[in-house]
Amino acid sequence: MNKTELIEKVAKKTGMTLKDSRIAVESVFSTAPKEGIIATEMAAGRRVQITGFGTFQTRRRKKRMGRNPQTGKAITIPASKYPAFSAGKALKTRVNK
């Protein structure tokens, strides 16, 4: 399922118009600055926990050594942050049925 299909399903399930459904989905999932609720909270270093569904959070990777695959030369890979999702118990149970 892609975003357009999600918007259509939300509209059908809730009785919202496609326009209102698009606004609702974008307000939760957009990655544009100051638009999507989940991305905005994660960028600020906060978790978004949806009980039963899962938790969206930001994790950190430490600085580490790596190799340039073309030259074989050792390089330092800088520390970074990355988004992570941990599925909740109810979601895991539903998927495993």
C-alpha atoms as a PDB file:
ATOM      1  CA  MET A   1       0.000   0.000   0.000  1.00  0.00           C
ATOM      2  CA  ASN A   2       1.280   3.453  -0.844  1.00  0.00           C
ATOM      3  CA  LYS A   3       0.282   6.839   0.586  1.00  0.00           C
ATOM      4  CA  THR A   4      -2.438   7.457  -2.022  1.00  0.00           C
ATOM      5  CA  GLU A   5      -4.059   4.111  -1.247  1.00  0.00           C
ATOM      6  CA  LEU A   6      -3.844   4.840   2.488  1.00  0.00           C
ATOM      7  CA  ILE A   7      -5.570   8.193   1.963  1.00  0.00           C
ATOM      8  CA  GLU A   8      -8.345   6.495  -0.034  1.00  0.00           C
ATOM      9  CA  LYS A   9      -8.839   3.809   2.635  1.00  0.00           C
ATOM     10  CA  VAL A  10      -8.946   6.395   5.442  1.00  0.00           C
ATOM     11  CA  ALA A  11     -11.553   8.390   3.493  1.00  0.00           C
ATOM     12  CA  LYS A  12     -13.666   5.289   2.865  1.00  0.00           C
ATOM     13  CA  LYS A  13     -13.440   4.001   6.448  1.00  0.00           C
ATOM     14  CA  THR A  14     -14.150   7.344   8.145  1.00  0.00           C
ATOM     15  CA  GLY A  15     -16.519   8.931   5.626  1.00  0.00           C
ATOM     16  CA  MET A  16     -14.157  11.889   5.243  1.00  0.00           C
ATOM     17  CA  THR A  17     -13.625  13.543   1.887  1.00  0.00           C
ATOM     18  CA  LEU A  18     -10.433  12.658   0.024  1.00  0.00           C
ATOM     19  CA  LYS A  19      -9.162  16.189   0.660  1.00  0.00           C
ATOM     20  CA  ASP A  20      -9.742  15.944   4.432  1.00  0.00           C
ATOM     21  CA  SER A  21      -8.298  12.449   4.496  1.00  0.00           C
ATOM     22  CA  ARG A  22      -5.144  13.652   2.699  1.00  0.00           C
ATOM     23  CA  ILE A  23      -4.748  16.469   5.253  1.00  0.00           C
ATOM     24  CA  ALA A  24      -5.118  13.996   8.142  1.00  0.00           C
ATOM     25  CA  VAL A  25      -2.599  11.501   6.744  1.00  0.00           C
ATOM     26  CA  GLU A  26      -0.100  14.234   5.821  1.00  0.00           C
ATOM     27  CA  SER A  27      -0.370  15.805   9.275  1.00  0.00           C
ATOM     28  CA  VAL A  28       0.740  12.534  10.855  1.00  0.00           C
ATOM     29  CA  PHE A  29       3.220  11.105   8.322  1.00  0.00           C
ATOM     30  CA  SER A  30       4.748  14.028   6.396  1.00  0.00           C
ATOM     31  CA  THR A  31       8.513  14.429   6.590  1.00  0.00           C
ATOM     32  CA  ALA A  32       8.434  18.100   5.561  1.00  0.00           C
ATOM     33  CA  PRO A  33       9.719  20.449   8.286  1.00  0.00           C
ATOM     34  CA  LYS A  34       7.050  21.437  10.821  1.00  0.00           C
ATOM     35  CA  GLU A  35       4.305  19.412   9.102  1.00  0.00           C
ATOM     36  CA  GLY A  36       4.322  15.764  10.135  1.00  0.00           C
ATOM     37  CA  ILE A  37       3.687  15.101  13.807  1.00  0.00           C
ATOM     38  CA  ILE A  38       5.790  11.932  14.024  1.00  0.00           C
ATOM     39  CA  ALA A  39       8.807  13.365  12.163  1.00  0.00           C
ATOM     40  CA  THR A  40       8.667  16.630  14.112  1.00  0.00           C
ATOM     41  CA  GLU A  41       8.643  14.838  17.471  1.00  0.00           C
ATOM     42  CA  MET A  42      11.467  12.490  16.449  1.00  0.00           C
ATOM     43  CA  ALA A  43      13.586  15.381  15.145  1.00  0.00           C
ATOM     44  CA  ALA A  44      13.222  16.989  18.573  1.00  0.00           C
ATOM     45  CA  GLY A  45      14.485  13.788  20.195  1.00  0.00           C
ATOM     46  CA  ARG A  46      11.117  12.687  21.589  1.00  0.00           C
ATOM     47  CA  ARG A  47       9.394   9.305  21.258  1.00  0.00           C
ATOM     48  CA  VAL A  48       5.954   8.793  19.766  1.00  0.00           C
ATOM     49  CA  GLN A  49       4.322   5.852  21.522  1.00  0.00           C
ATOM     50  CA  ILE A  50       1.026   4.513  20.204  1.00  0.00           C
ATOM     51  CA  THR A  51      -0.125   1.883  22.687  1.00  0.00           C
ATOM     52  CA  GLY A  52      -0.667  -1.483  21.042  1.00  0.00           C
ATOM     53  CA  PHE A  53       0.765  -0.318  17.712  1.00  0.00           C
ATOM     54  CA  GLY A  54       4.360   0.634  18.457  1.00  0.00           C
ATOM     55  CA  THR A  55       6.925   3.282  19.233  1.00  0.00           C
ATOM     56  CA  PHE A  56       8.728   5.648  16.871  1.00  0.00           C
ATOM     57  CA  GLN A  57      12.001   6.996  18.269  1.00  0.00           C
ATOM     58  CA  THR A  58      15.397   8.359  17.331  1.00  0.00           C
ATOM     59  CA  ARG A  59      18.468   6.236  18.031  1.00  0.00           C
ATOM     60  CA  ARG A  60      22.158   7.108  17.846  1.00  0.00           C
ATOM     61  CA  ARG A  61      25.086   5.406  16.170  1.00  0.00           C
ATOM     62  CA  LYS A  62      28.551   6.014  17.586  1.00  0.00           C
ATOM     63  CA  LYS A  63      31.495   7.117  15.483  1.00  0.00           C
ATOM     64  CA  ARG A  64      33.177   4.035  14.030  1.00  0.00           C
ATOM     65  CA  MET A  65      35.863   2.876  11.656  1.00  0.00           C
ATOM     66  CA  GLY A  66      34.978   1.558   8.213  1.00  0.00           C
ATOM     67  CA  ARG A  67      36.604   0.893   4.856  1.00  0.00           C
ATOM     68  CA  ASN A  68      36.175   2.594   1.516  1.00  0.00           C
ATOM     69  CA  PRO A  69      35.059  -0.316  -0.690  1.00  0.00           C
ATOM     70  CA  GLN A  70      36.783   1.109  -3.777  1.00  0.00           C
ATOM     71  CA  THR A  71      40.205   1.748  -2.272  1.00  0.00           C
ATOM     72  CA  GLY A  72      40.209  -0.387   0.868  1.00  0.00           C
ATOM     73  CA  LYS A  73      41.428   2.644   2.818  1.00  0.00           C
ATOM     74  CA  ALA A  74      40.276   2.954   6.458  1.00  0.00           C
ATOM     75  CA  ILE A  75      37.847   5.813   7.042  1.00  0.00           C
ATOM     76  CA  THR A  76      36.055   7.236  10.048  1.00  0.00           C
ATOM     77  CA  ILE A  77      32.263   7.077   9.801  1.00  0.00           C
ATOM     78  CA  PRO A  78      30.821   9.971  11.840  1.00  0.00           C
ATOM     79  CA  ALA A  79      28.247   9.559  14.596  1.00  0.00           C
ATOM     80  CA  SER A  80      24.661   9.874  13.414  1.00  0.00           C
ATOM     81  CA  LYS A  81      21.032   9.681  14.452  1.00  0.00           C
ATOM     82  CA  TYR A  82      18.509   7.417  12.739  1.00  0.00           C
ATOM     83  CA  PRO A  83      14.771   6.741  12.997  1.00  0.00           C
ATOM     84  CA  ALA A  84      13.597   3.462  14.510  1.00  0.00           C
ATOM     85  CA  PHE A  85      10.242   1.756  14.980  1.00  0.00           C
ATOM     86  CA  SER A  86       9.497  -0.944  17.553  1.00  0.00           C
ATOM     87  CA  ALA A  87       6.253  -2.819  17.006  1.00  0.00           C
ATOM     88  CA  GLY A  88       3.902  -3.138  19.973  1.00  0.00           C
ATOM     89  CA  LYS A  89       2.622  -6.447  21.321  1.00  0.00           C
ATOM     90  CA  ALA A  90      -0.857  -6.101  19.785  1.00  0.00           C
ATOM     91  CA  LEU A  91       0.601  -5.377  16.330  1.00  0.00           C
ATOM     92  CA  LYS A  92       2.989  -8.335  16.560  1.00  0.00           C
ATOM     93  CA  THR A  93       0.123 -10.615  17.596  1.00  0.00           C
ATOM     94  CA  ARG A  94      -2.098  -9.374  14.736  1.00  0.00           C
ATOM     95  CA  VAL A  95       0.618  -9.879  12.121  1.00  0.00           C
ATOM     96  CA  ASN A  96       1.432 -13.383  13.385  1.00  0.00           C
ATOM     97  CA  LYS A  97      -2.178 -14.665  13.101  1.00  0.00           C
END
